[in-house]
Amino acid sequence: ERRKNIDVTKMILASLGRDASFIEYVEDRPGHDVRYAVNSDKIRKIHNWKPEHTFEERLLDVVRWYQDNEKWWQEIKSGEFLKYYETQYGQRQNIQAPQPA
């Protein structure tokens, strides 16, 4: 099933009790993804597979995980991970550590 990024964003906001006023629109950049789609037709046909959970259910699980693991993402957001990143990858050519948002 295809979903536009904006629709998924609104679903995440709704799960947090927020509305679309929290969306910050930015100018599109070349190659900017408008949507993502996964086609499961082949695995459904060959293996008679079907998902056990809906997209919406799993999206809520992901949101809850981030809510329950704030320490993990706050360290990334703060830039603390840069020390680790530089230790692990800083010696490689043409690799620059990402900058925190």
Protein backbone atom coordinates (compact mmCIF):
# COMPACT_ATOMS: atom_id res chain seq x y z
CA GLU A 1 0.00 0.00 0.00
CA ARG A 2 1.39 3.38 -0.96
CA ARG A 3 1.60 6.23 1.50
CA LYS A 4 2.81 9.76 1.05
CA ASN A 5 5.39 11.03 3.51
CA ILE A 6 3.05 13.84 4.56
CA ASP A 7 0.33 11.31 5.41
CA VAL A 8 2.72 9.26 7.57
CA THR A 9 3.86 12.48 9.25
CA LYS A 10 0.26 13.34 10.09
CA MET A 11 -0.29 9.83 11.46
CA ILE A 12 2.73 10.20 13.75
CA LEU A 13 1.53 13.60 14.94
CA ALA A 14 -1.97 12.25 15.60
CA SER A 15 -0.49 9.41 17.69
CA LEU A 16 1.25 12.08 19.78
CA GLY A 17 -1.92 14.12 20.15
CA ARG A 18 -0.56 16.85 17.88
CA ASP A 19 -2.01 18.41 14.76
CA ALA A 20 -0.58 19.46 11.40
CA SER A 21 0.47 22.85 12.78
CA PHE A 22 3.61 21.08 14.07
CA ILE A 23 4.77 20.34 10.51
CA GLU A 24 7.58 22.55 9.29
CA TYR A 25 7.49 22.66 5.52
CA VAL A 26 10.81 23.03 3.73
CA GLU A 27 11.72 23.53 0.11
CA ASP A 28 12.05 20.31 -1.84
CA ARG A 29 15.54 19.33 -2.83
CA PRO A 30 16.57 17.36 -5.93
CA GLY A 31 15.92 13.68 -5.31
CA HIS A 32 13.68 14.41 -2.31
CA ASP A 33 11.44 11.42 -1.68
CA VAL A 34 7.75 12.20 -1.87
CA ARG A 35 6.67 8.72 -0.82
CA TYR A 36 7.94 5.21 -0.16
CA ALA A 37 6.25 2.03 -1.26
CA VAL A 38 6.92 -1.64 -0.59
CA ASN A 39 5.45 -4.19 -2.95
CA SER A 40 4.76 -7.50 -1.21
CA ASP A 41 2.90 -9.10 -4.14
CA LYS A 42 5.66 -11.62 -4.88
CA ILE A 43 6.03 -12.98 -1.34
CA ARG A 44 2.25 -13.05 -0.94
CA LYS A 45 1.88 -15.05 -4.15
CA ILE A 46 4.79 -17.48 -3.75
CA HIS A 47 4.57 -18.10 -0.01
CA ASN A 48 0.99 -17.13 0.72
CA TRP A 49 2.37 -14.57 3.15
CA LYS A 50 0.35 -11.85 4.76
CA PRO A 51 1.35 -9.34 7.43
CA GLU A 52 0.40 -10.07 11.02
CA HIS A 53 0.04 -6.37 11.82
CA THR A 54 -1.10 -3.31 9.96
CA PHE A 55 1.18 -0.44 9.04
CA GLU A 56 -0.68 1.74 11.53
CA GLU A 57 -0.13 -0.75 14.38
CA ARG A 58 3.61 -0.97 13.74
CA LEU A 59 3.93 2.78 13.30
CA LEU A 60 2.40 3.22 16.75
CA ASP A 61 4.89 0.66 18.11
CA VAL A 62 7.76 2.70 16.67
CA VAL A 63 6.41 5.92 18.16
CA ARG A 64 6.07 4.21 21.55
CA TRP A 65 9.64 2.87 21.30
CA TYR A 66 10.98 6.38 20.78
CA GLN A 67 8.89 7.63 23.69
CA ASP A 68 10.21 4.83 25.93
CA ASN A 69 13.84 5.28 24.81
CA GLU A 70 14.31 9.02 25.01
CA LYS A 71 17.81 8.69 26.49
CA TRP A 72 18.98 6.89 23.33
CA TRP A 73 17.76 9.48 20.84
CA GLN A 74 18.56 12.49 23.01
CA GLU A 75 22.24 11.45 22.99
CA ILE A 76 22.15 11.26 19.20
CA LYS A 77 20.35 14.56 18.86
CA SER A 78 22.72 16.30 21.26
CA GLY A 79 25.76 15.28 19.24
CA GLU A 80 27.29 13.04 21.92
CA PHE A 81 27.47 10.29 19.32
CA LEU A 82 29.98 12.34 17.31
CA LYS A 83 32.84 11.23 19.59
CA TYR A 84 32.01 7.59 18.92
CA TYR A 85 31.49 8.26 15.22
CA GLU A 86 34.87 10.00 14.88
CA THR A 87 36.61 7.20 16.79
CA GLN A 88 35.08 4.53 14.57
CA TYR A 89 35.05 6.24 11.18
CA GLY A 90 37.04 9.46 11.41
CA GLN A 91 40.22 7.92 9.97
CA ARG A 92 38.55 6.90 6.71
CA GLN A 93 38.94 9.17 3.73
CA ASN A 94 35.95 11.09 2.41
CA ILE A 95 33.78 10.32 5.43
CA GLN A 96 32.50 13.18 7.51
CA ALA A 97 30.54 12.76 10.69
CA PRO A 98 26.95 13.95 10.34
CA GLN A 99 26.15 17.09 12.26
CA PRO A 100 23.34 17.08 14.82
CA ALA A 101 20.11 18.81 13.83
